[in-house]
Amino acid sequence: MGISLNMKLTTLLPVIVAIVFGAGCKPAPAKDPSTPGTEIPEALKDEKSSSDFLTKTNPRGSMMDNIYDDLAKKDPTLQKLEEQLQHFNAGFPDSLKKFNEYANKSTAYYSSANESLNMLKDTVLRDQLRAVLADSKSKYMGKISRFSNLMTHIDSNHIKIEDYHTVLKVVTTLPVIEKYQDDAMPDITSTANLANEAQRLRAKTYQLVKKQGKN
């Protein structure tokens, strides 16, 4: 990764955390993965089998999530964010439950009332009642407009929070995996020897094919 992009990612991290928490929250600077003594996340340790480890620790089998979770446990800023996100997501349905129940009753009423008008034989009376119901529903929508506006903002911010959370995971874990790529690359000798052996066996096998073909 180029230096300029690294600088952009380093700048993005505190910005994204600030956006998620809202104005006035000042997150601590992210730890530099290149700092000596930085622990390797569990998912990247050599003694761990990637597939087995991911299956046991994360049903989604996400390497990024496992690296991030390990980092979050050791970083107070990330840990606090995860706690707040968990609290928000857990309380999300309950906070809207009463209004949803309230709104669902009115929605069900207008739906059933309009459906019942289909049984009226008098078309003039039917149209008059439909107009009455439409006017009533319009007034009802005005009554709940503050709720509707707030729920629109909640839904919009919820989507943004999830997006920012994903970006946060990427910019937090990317330096870690890049450091791992540099520090943990195995010696190439055994791979080169295997490649040479494969080359020799291919040539020998081909020679035997030609020899047998002449017989």
Protein backbone atom coordinates (compact mmCIF):
# COMPACT_ATOMS: atom_id res chain seq x y z
CA MET A 1 0.00 0.00 0.00
CA GLY A 2 1.31 3.46 -0.89
CA ILE A 3 2.27 5.99 1.78
CA SER A 4 -0.48 8.42 0.75
CA LEU A 5 -3.18 5.75 1.08
CA ASN A 6 -1.77 4.65 4.43
CA MET A 7 -2.00 8.24 5.63
CA LYS A 8 -5.61 8.44 4.41
CA LEU A 9 -6.52 5.25 6.29
CA THR A 10 -4.79 6.46 9.46
CA THR A 11 -6.76 9.69 9.22
CA LEU A 12 -10.01 7.85 8.49
CA LEU A 13 -9.95 5.75 11.64
CA PRO A 14 -10.51 8.53 14.23
CA VAL A 15 -12.92 10.27 11.88
CA ILE A 16 -15.10 7.18 11.50
CA VAL A 17 -15.15 6.51 15.24
CA ALA A 18 -16.11 10.15 15.84
CA ILE A 19 -18.95 9.88 13.34
CA VAL A 20 -20.30 6.73 14.99
CA PHE A 21 -20.19 8.20 18.48
CA GLY A 22 -21.34 11.65 17.40
CA ALA A 23 -19.79 15.05 17.90
CA GLY A 24 -17.78 15.62 21.02
CA CYS A 25 -16.34 12.12 21.34
CA LYS A 26 -12.57 12.04 20.98
CA PRO A 27 -11.28 8.52 20.36
CA ALA A 28 -7.77 7.56 21.39
CA PRO A 29 -5.24 7.23 18.55
CA ALA A 30 -5.14 3.78 16.98
CA LYS A 31 -2.24 1.58 18.00
CA ASP A 32 0.51 1.27 15.42
CA PRO A 33 0.73 -2.43 14.44
CA SER A 34 4.44 -1.98 13.68
CA THR A 35 5.23 -1.11 17.29
CA PRO A 36 7.51 -3.76 18.84
CA GLY A 37 5.69 -5.98 21.28
CA THR A 38 2.35 -5.77 19.50
CA GLU A 39 0.66 -9.12 20.00
CA ILE A 40 -0.36 -11.18 17.01
CA PRO A 41 -4.14 -11.72 16.90
CA GLU A 42 -5.19 -15.28 17.72
CA ALA A 43 -6.50 -15.90 14.20
CA LEU A 44 -3.02 -15.21 12.74
CA LYS A 45 -0.95 -17.36 15.07
CA ASP A 46 0.88 -20.21 13.34
CA GLU A 47 -0.45 -22.91 15.66
CA LYS A 48 -4.01 -22.07 14.66
CA SER A 49 -5.65 -23.78 11.71
CA SER A 50 -7.44 -20.94 9.94
CA SER A 51 -10.53 -22.92 8.93
CA ASP A 52 -10.94 -24.67 12.31
CA PHE A 53 -10.27 -21.50 14.29
CA LEU A 54 -12.70 -19.38 12.29
CA THR A 55 -15.43 -22.01 12.47
CA LYS A 56 -15.16 -22.24 16.26
CA THR A 57 -14.82 -18.51 16.97
CA ASN A 58 -17.01 -16.98 14.30
CA PRO A 59 -19.90 -18.80 12.58
CA ARG A 60 -19.47 -16.50 9.57
CA GLY A 61 -15.89 -17.68 9.21
CA SER A 62 -14.62 -14.13 8.75
CA MET A 63 -10.88 -13.64 9.23
CA MET A 64 -11.36 -9.88 9.33
CA ASP A 65 -13.98 -10.09 12.08
CA ASN A 66 -11.80 -12.37 14.18
CA ILE A 67 -8.77 -10.10 13.87
CA TYR A 68 -10.91 -7.08 14.70
CA ASP A 69 -12.55 -8.79 17.70
CA ASP A 70 -9.13 -9.67 19.08
CA LEU A 71 -7.91 -6.09 18.63
CA ALA A 72 -11.08 -4.66 20.18
CA LYS A 73 -10.54 -6.70 23.36
CA LYS A 74 -7.18 -4.99 23.84
CA ASP A 75 -8.13 -1.44 22.77
CA PRO A 76 -10.34 0.49 25.23
CA THR A 77 -11.65 2.80 22.49
CA LEU A 78 -12.75 -0.04 20.24
CA GLN A 79 -14.07 -2.03 23.18
CA LYS A 80 -16.23 0.88 24.32
CA LEU A 81 -17.55 1.34 20.79
CA GLU A 82 -18.49 -2.35 20.55
CA GLU A 83 -20.30 -2.17 23.88
CA GLN A 84 -22.26 0.88 22.77
CA LEU A 85 -23.12 -0.70 19.42
CA GLN A 86 -24.26 -3.88 21.17
CA HIS A 87 -26.40 -1.87 23.58
CA PHE A 88 -27.90 0.16 20.71
CA ASN A 89 -28.70 -2.88 18.56
CA ALA A 90 -30.15 -4.81 21.51
CA GLY A 91 -32.47 -1.95 22.49
CA PHE A 92 -33.40 -1.00 18.93
CA PRO A 93 -36.53 -3.23 18.61
CA ASP A 94 -37.79 -2.56 22.16
CA SER A 95 -37.53 1.20 21.78
CA LEU A 96 -39.84 1.15 18.75
CA LYS A 97 -42.12 -1.64 19.95
CA LYS A 98 -44.84 0.54 21.50
CA PHE A 99 -45.11 2.86 18.53
CA ASN A 100 -45.11 -0.01 16.04
CA GLU A 101 -47.93 -1.71 17.94
CA TYR A 102 -49.82 1.58 18.05
CA ALA A 103 -49.30 2.26 14.33
CA ASN A 104 -50.11 -1.30 13.28
CA LYS A 105 -53.59 -1.04 14.80
CA SER A 106 -54.42 2.05 12.75
CA THR A 107 -52.94 0.53 9.60
CA ALA A 108 -55.01 -2.60 10.13
CA TYR A 109 -58.13 -0.53 10.76
CA TYR A 110 -57.91 1.54 7.55
CA SER A 111 -57.11 -1.57 5.54
CA SER A 112 -60.09 -3.53 6.89
CA ALA A 113 -62.44 -0.55 6.70
CA ASN A 114 -61.61 0.08 3.04
CA GLU A 115 -61.98 -3.61 2.31
CA SER A 116 -65.43 -3.66 3.90
CA LEU A 117 -66.59 -0.90 1.55
CA ASN A 118 -66.25 -3.33 -1.36
CA MET A 119 -69.44 -4.98 -0.11
CA LEU A 120 -71.47 -1.78 -0.51
CA LYS A 121 -73.77 -1.87 -3.51
CA ASP A 122 -74.37 1.89 -3.46
CA THR A 123 -71.33 3.23 -5.36
CA VAL A 124 -72.03 6.85 -4.39
CA LEU A 125 -72.15 5.98 -0.70
CA ARG A 126 -69.05 3.81 -1.13
CA ASP A 127 -67.08 6.68 -2.70
CA GLN A 128 -68.22 9.08 0.03
CA LEU A 129 -67.06 6.72 2.75
CA ARG A 130 -63.75 6.13 0.99
CA ALA A 131 -63.23 9.88 0.98
CA VAL A 132 -64.06 10.04 4.71
CA LEU A 133 -61.55 7.26 5.44
CA ALA A 134 -58.89 8.91 3.27
CA ASP A 135 -59.37 12.21 5.12
CA SER A 136 -59.16 10.45 8.48
CA LYS A 137 -56.00 8.63 7.45
CA SER A 138 -54.46 11.88 6.24
CA LYS A 139 -55.13 13.46 9.65
CA TYR A 140 -53.66 10.38 11.35
CA MET A 141 -50.49 10.65 9.28
CA GLY A 142 -50.21 14.25 10.44
CA LYS A 143 -50.56 13.16 14.06
CA ILE A 144 -47.67 10.72 13.78
CA SER A 145 -45.48 12.87 11.51
CA ARG A 146 -42.95 13.54 14.29
CA PHE A 147 -42.64 9.82 14.93
CA SER A 148 -42.36 9.12 11.20
CA ASN A 149 -39.61 11.72 10.75
CA LEU A 150 -37.68 10.39 13.73
CA MET A 151 -37.96 6.82 12.50
CA THR A 152 -36.72 7.87 9.07
CA HIS A 153 -33.67 9.47 10.72
CA ILE A 154 -33.15 6.39 12.90
CA ASP A 155 -33.25 4.06 9.91
CA SER A 156 -30.88 6.29 7.93
CA ASN A 157 -28.41 6.58 10.80
CA HIS A 158 -28.64 2.86 11.52
CA ILE A 159 -27.55 2.10 7.97
CA LYS A 160 -24.70 4.62 8.20
CA ILE A 161 -23.54 3.19 11.53
CA GLU A 162 -23.35 -0.30 10.01
CA ASP A 163 -21.42 1.08 7.03
CA TYR A 164 -19.00 3.03 9.24
CA HIS A 165 -18.56 -0.03 11.46
CA THR A 166 -17.53 -2.11 8.46
CA VAL A 167 -15.10 0.59 7.29
CA LEU A 168 -13.71 0.82 10.82
CA LYS A 169 -13.03 -2.92 10.83
CA VAL A 170 -11.20 -2.69 7.51
CA VAL A 171 -8.99 0.28 8.38
CA THR A 172 -8.21 -1.27 11.80
CA THR A 173 -7.31 -4.74 10.56
CA LEU A 174 -5.65 -3.93 7.22
CA PRO A 175 -2.34 -2.74 8.78
CA VAL A 176 -2.33 -5.90 10.94
CA ILE A 177 -2.68 -8.32 8.04
CA GLU A 178 -0.11 -6.36 6.03
CA LYS A 179 2.36 -6.56 8.91
CA TYR A 180 1.66 -10.29 9.19
CA GLN A 181 2.30 -10.68 5.46
CA ASP A 182 5.71 -9.03 5.87
CA ASP A 183 6.77 -10.65 9.14
CA ALA A 184 5.41 -14.17 8.81
CA MET A 185 6.27 -15.05 5.22
CA PRO A 186 7.78 -18.56 5.34
CA ASP A 187 11.16 -19.47 3.87
CA ILE A 188 10.86 -20.18 0.16
CA THR A 189 13.42 -23.02 0.12
CA SER A 190 11.01 -25.94 0.60
CA THR A 191 8.61 -24.53 -1.99
CA ALA A 192 11.42 -24.03 -4.48
CA ASN A 193 12.70 -27.57 -3.87
CA LEU A 194 9.21 -28.97 -4.43
CA ALA A 195 8.88 -26.98 -7.66
CA ASN A 196 12.23 -28.35 -8.88
CA GLU A 197 11.21 -31.90 -7.99
CA ALA A 198 7.92 -31.47 -9.85
CA GLN A 199 9.85 -30.23 -12.89
CA ARG A 200 12.17 -33.24 -12.81
CA LEU A 201 9.32 -35.71 -12.37
CA ARG A 202 7.39 -34.14 -15.21
CA ALA A 203 10.40 -34.47 -17.53
CA LYS A 204 11.06 -38.05 -16.42
CA THR A 205 7.40 -39.04 -16.86
CA TYR A 206 7.32 -37.47 -20.32
CA GLN A 207 10.47 -39.33 -21.34
CA LEU A 208 8.90 -42.63 -20.26
CA VAL A 209 5.76 -41.83 -22.23
CA LYS A 210 7.83 -41.24 -25.37
CA LYS A 211 9.88 -44.38 -24.74
CA GLN A 212 6.84 -46.58 -24.20
CA GLY A 213 5.15 -45.06 -27.22
CA LYS A 214 7.92 -46.29 -29.47
CA ASN A 215 7.55 -49.89 -28.29
